[in-house]
Amino acid sequence: MYKEIMTIGDLAAYTGWSKSYIYKKTSDGTLKFSKPLGKTIFFSKEWVDGFLMSNQSLTVAEIASKAKASLTHIKGGVK
């Protein structure tokens, strides 16, 4: 079980990312972090998990379902 609040070392172990990659992602604003005392940075497991699960791909069934719903909506609105 991983900690709810992680240091950069914890995050590297959790994700398999290098520390330099993590610093790069914090520096460019991609990865959310907290720096309460101005030196050490911390990451919330919730933030990290949300980031890791973002930009999900859809299955073929999900795409077909969305397409069907869109077509139904369009056909229902046109008279």
N, C-alpha and C. Protein backbone atom coordinates (compact mmCIF):
# COMPACT_ATOMS: atom_id res chain seq x y z
N MET A 1 0.85 -1.19 0.00
CA MET A 1 0.00 0.00 0.00
C MET A 1 0.89 1.24 0.00
N TYR A 2 0.53 2.20 -0.83
CA TYR A 2 1.30 3.42 -0.94
C TYR A 2 0.74 4.50 -0.04
N LYS A 3 1.60 5.45 0.29
CA LYS A 3 1.21 6.57 1.14
C LYS A 3 0.22 7.46 0.41
N GLU A 4 -0.60 8.17 1.18
CA GLU A 4 -1.53 9.14 0.60
C GLU A 4 -0.81 10.41 0.16
N ILE A 5 0.24 10.76 0.90
CA ILE A 5 1.07 11.91 0.56
C ILE A 5 2.46 11.38 0.26
N MET A 6 2.98 11.72 -0.93
CA MET A 6 4.26 11.16 -1.38
C MET A 6 5.30 12.24 -1.62
N THR A 7 6.54 11.89 -1.36
CA THR A 7 7.68 12.73 -1.74
C THR A 7 8.05 12.35 -3.17
N ILE A 8 9.04 13.02 -3.71
CA ILE A 8 9.46 12.71 -5.07
C ILE A 8 10.01 11.28 -5.17
N GLY A 9 10.70 10.82 -4.13
CA GLY A 9 11.20 9.45 -4.12
C GLY A 9 10.07 8.43 -4.08
N ASP A 10 9.05 8.73 -3.28
CA ASP A 10 7.88 7.85 -3.21
C ASP A 10 7.17 7.80 -4.58
N LEU A 11 7.04 8.97 -5.20
CA LEU A 11 6.37 9.04 -6.49
C LEU A 11 7.15 8.28 -7.56
N ALA A 12 8.46 8.39 -7.52
CA ALA A 12 9.30 7.66 -8.47
C ALA A 12 9.10 6.15 -8.31
N ALA A 13 9.04 5.69 -7.08
CA ALA A 13 8.83 4.26 -6.82
C ALA A 13 7.42 3.84 -7.25
N TYR A 14 6.44 4.70 -7.03
CA TYR A 14 5.04 4.39 -7.35
C TYR A 14 4.82 4.29 -8.86
N THR A 15 5.42 5.23 -9.62
CA THR A 15 5.16 5.30 -11.06
C THR A 15 6.22 4.64 -11.92
N GLY A 16 7.42 4.51 -11.38
CA GLY A 16 8.53 4.01 -12.19
C GLY A 16 9.21 5.12 -12.98
N TRP A 17 8.77 6.35 -12.80
CA TRP A 17 9.37 7.49 -13.48
C TRP A 17 10.67 7.87 -12.79
N SER A 18 11.60 8.47 -13.51
CA SER A 18 12.83 8.97 -12.90
C SER A 18 12.51 10.27 -12.16
N LYS A 19 13.35 10.60 -11.20
CA LYS A 19 13.15 11.85 -10.46
C LYS A 19 13.28 13.05 -11.39
N SER A 20 14.19 12.99 -12.36
CA SER A 20 14.35 14.12 -13.29
C SER A 20 13.10 14.31 -14.14
N TYR A 21 12.45 13.22 -14.53
CA TYR A 21 11.21 13.31 -15.30
C TYR A 21 10.12 13.94 -14.44
N ILE A 22 10.04 13.56 -13.18
CA ILE A 22 9.04 14.13 -12.27
C ILE A 22 9.29 15.62 -12.09
N TYR A 23 10.55 16.02 -11.88
CA TYR A 23 10.87 17.44 -11.76
C TYR A 23 10.46 18.20 -13.02
N LYS A 24 10.69 17.59 -14.18
CA LYS A 24 10.32 18.22 -15.45
C LYS A 24 8.81 18.43 -15.52
N LYS A 25 8.04 17.43 -15.11
CA LYS A 25 6.58 17.51 -15.17
C LYS A 25 6.03 18.52 -14.16
N THR A 26 6.71 18.70 -13.03
CA THR A 26 6.27 19.73 -12.08
C THR A 26 6.64 21.11 -12.61
N SER A 27 7.82 21.20 -13.21
CA SER A 27 8.31 22.48 -13.73
C SER A 27 7.45 23.01 -14.87
N ASP A 28 6.99 22.11 -15.74
CA ASP A 28 6.19 22.58 -16.88
C ASP A 28 4.70 22.68 -16.56
N GLY A 29 4.32 22.40 -15.30
CA GLY A 29 2.95 22.56 -14.86
C GLY A 29 2.03 21.40 -15.20
N THR A 30 2.60 20.29 -15.65
CA THR A 30 1.80 19.13 -16.02
C THR A 30 1.34 18.35 -14.80
N LEU A 31 2.17 18.28 -13.79
CA LEU A 31 1.90 17.46 -12.61
C LEU A 31 1.68 18.35 -11.39
N LYS A 32 0.54 18.19 -10.76
CA LYS A 32 0.16 18.99 -9.59
C LYS A 32 0.97 18.56 -8.36
N PHE A 33 1.43 19.54 -7.60
CA PHE A 33 2.20 19.26 -6.40
C PHE A 33 1.97 20.34 -5.36
N SER A 34 2.45 20.08 -4.16
CA SER A 34 2.36 21.04 -3.07
C SER A 34 3.77 21.27 -2.53
N LYS A 35 4.04 22.51 -2.12
CA LYS A 35 5.36 22.86 -1.59
C LYS A 35 5.13 23.75 -0.35
N PRO A 36 4.65 23.14 0.75
CA PRO A 36 4.19 23.93 1.89
C PRO A 36 5.26 24.75 2.60
N LEU A 37 6.48 24.28 2.64
CA LEU A 37 7.54 25.02 3.35
C LEU A 37 8.57 25.62 2.40
N GLY A 38 8.26 25.59 1.11
CA GLY A 38 9.13 26.23 0.14
C GLY A 38 10.29 25.41 -0.36
N LYS A 39 10.48 24.18 0.10
CA LYS A 39 11.61 23.40 -0.36
C LYS A 39 11.17 22.03 -0.87
N THR A 40 10.72 21.18 0.00
CA THR A 40 10.33 19.82 -0.37
C THR A 40 8.97 19.84 -1.05
N ILE A 41 8.87 19.09 -2.15
CA ILE A 41 7.58 19.01 -2.83
C ILE A 41 6.89 17.69 -2.48
N PHE A 42 5.57 17.77 -2.41
CA PHE A 42 4.75 16.62 -2.06
C PHE A 42 3.67 16.43 -3.11
N PHE A 43 3.24 15.18 -3.23
CA PHE A 43 2.21 14.81 -4.20
C PHE A 43 1.12 14.03 -3.47
N SER A 44 -0.11 14.35 -3.77
CA SER A 44 -1.23 13.59 -3.23
C SER A 44 -1.44 12.37 -4.12
N LYS A 45 -1.61 11.22 -3.52
CA LYS A 45 -1.87 10.00 -4.29
C LYS A 45 -3.12 10.20 -5.14
N GLU A 46 -4.11 10.89 -4.60
CA GLU A 46 -5.34 11.16 -5.34
C GLU A 46 -5.05 11.97 -6.61
N TRP A 47 -4.21 13.01 -6.50
CA TRP A 47 -3.84 13.82 -7.66
C TRP A 47 -3.12 12.97 -8.69
N VAL A 48 -2.16 12.18 -8.20
CA VAL A 48 -1.34 11.36 -9.10
C VAL A 48 -2.21 10.32 -9.80
N ASP A 49 -3.07 9.65 -9.06
CA ASP A 49 -3.94 8.65 -9.66
C ASP A 49 -4.86 9.28 -10.71
N GLY A 50 -5.37 10.46 -10.40
CA GLY A 50 -6.21 11.17 -11.38
C GLY A 50 -5.44 11.50 -12.64
N PHE A 51 -4.21 11.94 -12.47
CA PHE A 51 -3.35 12.26 -13.61
C PHE A 51 -3.05 11.01 -14.42
N LEU A 52 -2.72 9.93 -13.74
CA LEU A 52 -2.37 8.68 -14.44
C LEU A 52 -3.56 8.11 -15.21
N MET A 53 -4.76 8.36 -14.73
CA MET A 53 -5.95 7.81 -15.38
C MET A 53 -6.61 8.80 -16.33
N SER A 54 -5.99 9.94 -16.57
CA SER A 54 -6.56 10.92 -17.49
C SER A 54 -6.28 10.50 -18.94
N ASN A 55 -7.01 11.11 -19.84
CA ASN A 55 -6.84 10.87 -21.28
C ASN A 55 -7.02 9.39 -21.63
N GLN A 56 -8.06 8.80 -21.09
CA GLN A 56 -8.33 7.38 -21.31
C GLN A 56 -8.84 7.14 -22.73
N SER A 57 -8.48 6.01 -23.28
CA SER A 57 -9.01 5.63 -24.58
C SER A 57 -10.33 4.89 -24.38
N LEU A 58 -11.16 4.95 -25.38
CA LEU A 58 -12.46 4.28 -25.31
C LEU A 58 -12.38 2.92 -26.02
N THR A 59 -13.19 1.99 -25.55
CA THR A 59 -13.28 0.71 -26.24
C THR A 59 -14.16 0.89 -27.48
N VAL A 60 -14.12 -0.06 -28.38
CA VAL A 60 -14.94 -0.02 -29.58
C VAL A 60 -16.42 0.05 -29.20
N ALA A 61 -16.82 -0.71 -28.19
CA ALA A 61 -18.21 -0.70 -27.75
C ALA A 61 -18.62 0.68 -27.21
N GLU A 62 -17.73 1.34 -26.47
CA GLU A 62 -18.04 2.67 -25.94
C GLU A 62 -18.17 3.69 -27.07
N ILE A 63 -17.30 3.59 -28.07
CA ILE A 63 -17.37 4.51 -29.22
C ILE A 63 -18.67 4.31 -29.97
N ALA A 64 -19.04 3.05 -30.20
CA ALA A 64 -20.29 2.75 -30.90
C ALA A 64 -21.49 3.27 -30.13
N SER A 65 -21.47 3.11 -28.81
CA SER A 65 -22.57 3.59 -27.98
C SER A 65 -22.69 5.11 -28.05
N LYS A 66 -21.56 5.81 -27.99
CA LYS A 66 -21.59 7.28 -28.07
C LYS A 66 -22.07 7.74 -29.45
N ALA A 67 -21.62 7.04 -30.48
CA ALA A 67 -22.05 7.39 -31.84
C ALA A 67 -23.56 7.20 -31.99
N LYS A 68 -24.05 6.09 -31.47
CA LYS A 68 -25.49 5.81 -31.54
C LYS A 68 -26.28 6.88 -30.78
N ALA A 69 -25.80 7.26 -29.61
CA ALA A 69 -26.47 8.28 -28.81
C ALA A 69 -26.47 9.62 -29.54
N SER A 70 -25.37 9.96 -30.19
CA SER A 70 -25.28 11.22 -30.95
C SER A 70 -26.25 11.22 -32.12
N LEU A 71 -26.29 10.10 -32.85
CA LEU A 71 -27.20 10.01 -33.99
C LEU A 71 -28.65 10.08 -33.55
N THR A 72 -28.97 9.44 -32.45
CA THR A 72 -30.34 9.48 -31.92
C THR A 72 -30.70 10.90 -31.53
N HIS A 73 -29.75 11.61 -30.91
CA HIS A 73 -29.99 13.00 -30.49
C HIS A 73 -30.19 13.89 -31.72
N ILE A 74 -29.36 13.70 -32.75
CA ILE A 74 -29.46 14.52 -33.97
C ILE A 74 -30.77 14.23 -34.69
N LYS A 75 -31.11 12.97 -34.84
CA LYS A 75 -32.36 12.60 -35.55
C LYS A 75 -33.58 13.10 -34.77
N GLY A 76 -33.51 13.06 -33.47
CA GLY A 76 -34.63 13.51 -32.65
C GLY A 76 -34.83 15.01 -32.70
N GLY A 77 -33.77 15.76 -32.97
CA GLY A 77 -33.85 17.22 -32.98
C GLY A 77 -34.22 17.80 -34.33
N VAL A 78 -34.09 17.01 -35.40
CA VAL A 78 -34.39 17.50 -36.74
C VAL A 78 -35.81 17.14 -37.11
N LYS A 79 -36.60 18.11 -37.59
CA LYS A 79 -37.99 17.86 -37.99
C LYS A 79 -38.25 18.36 -39.36
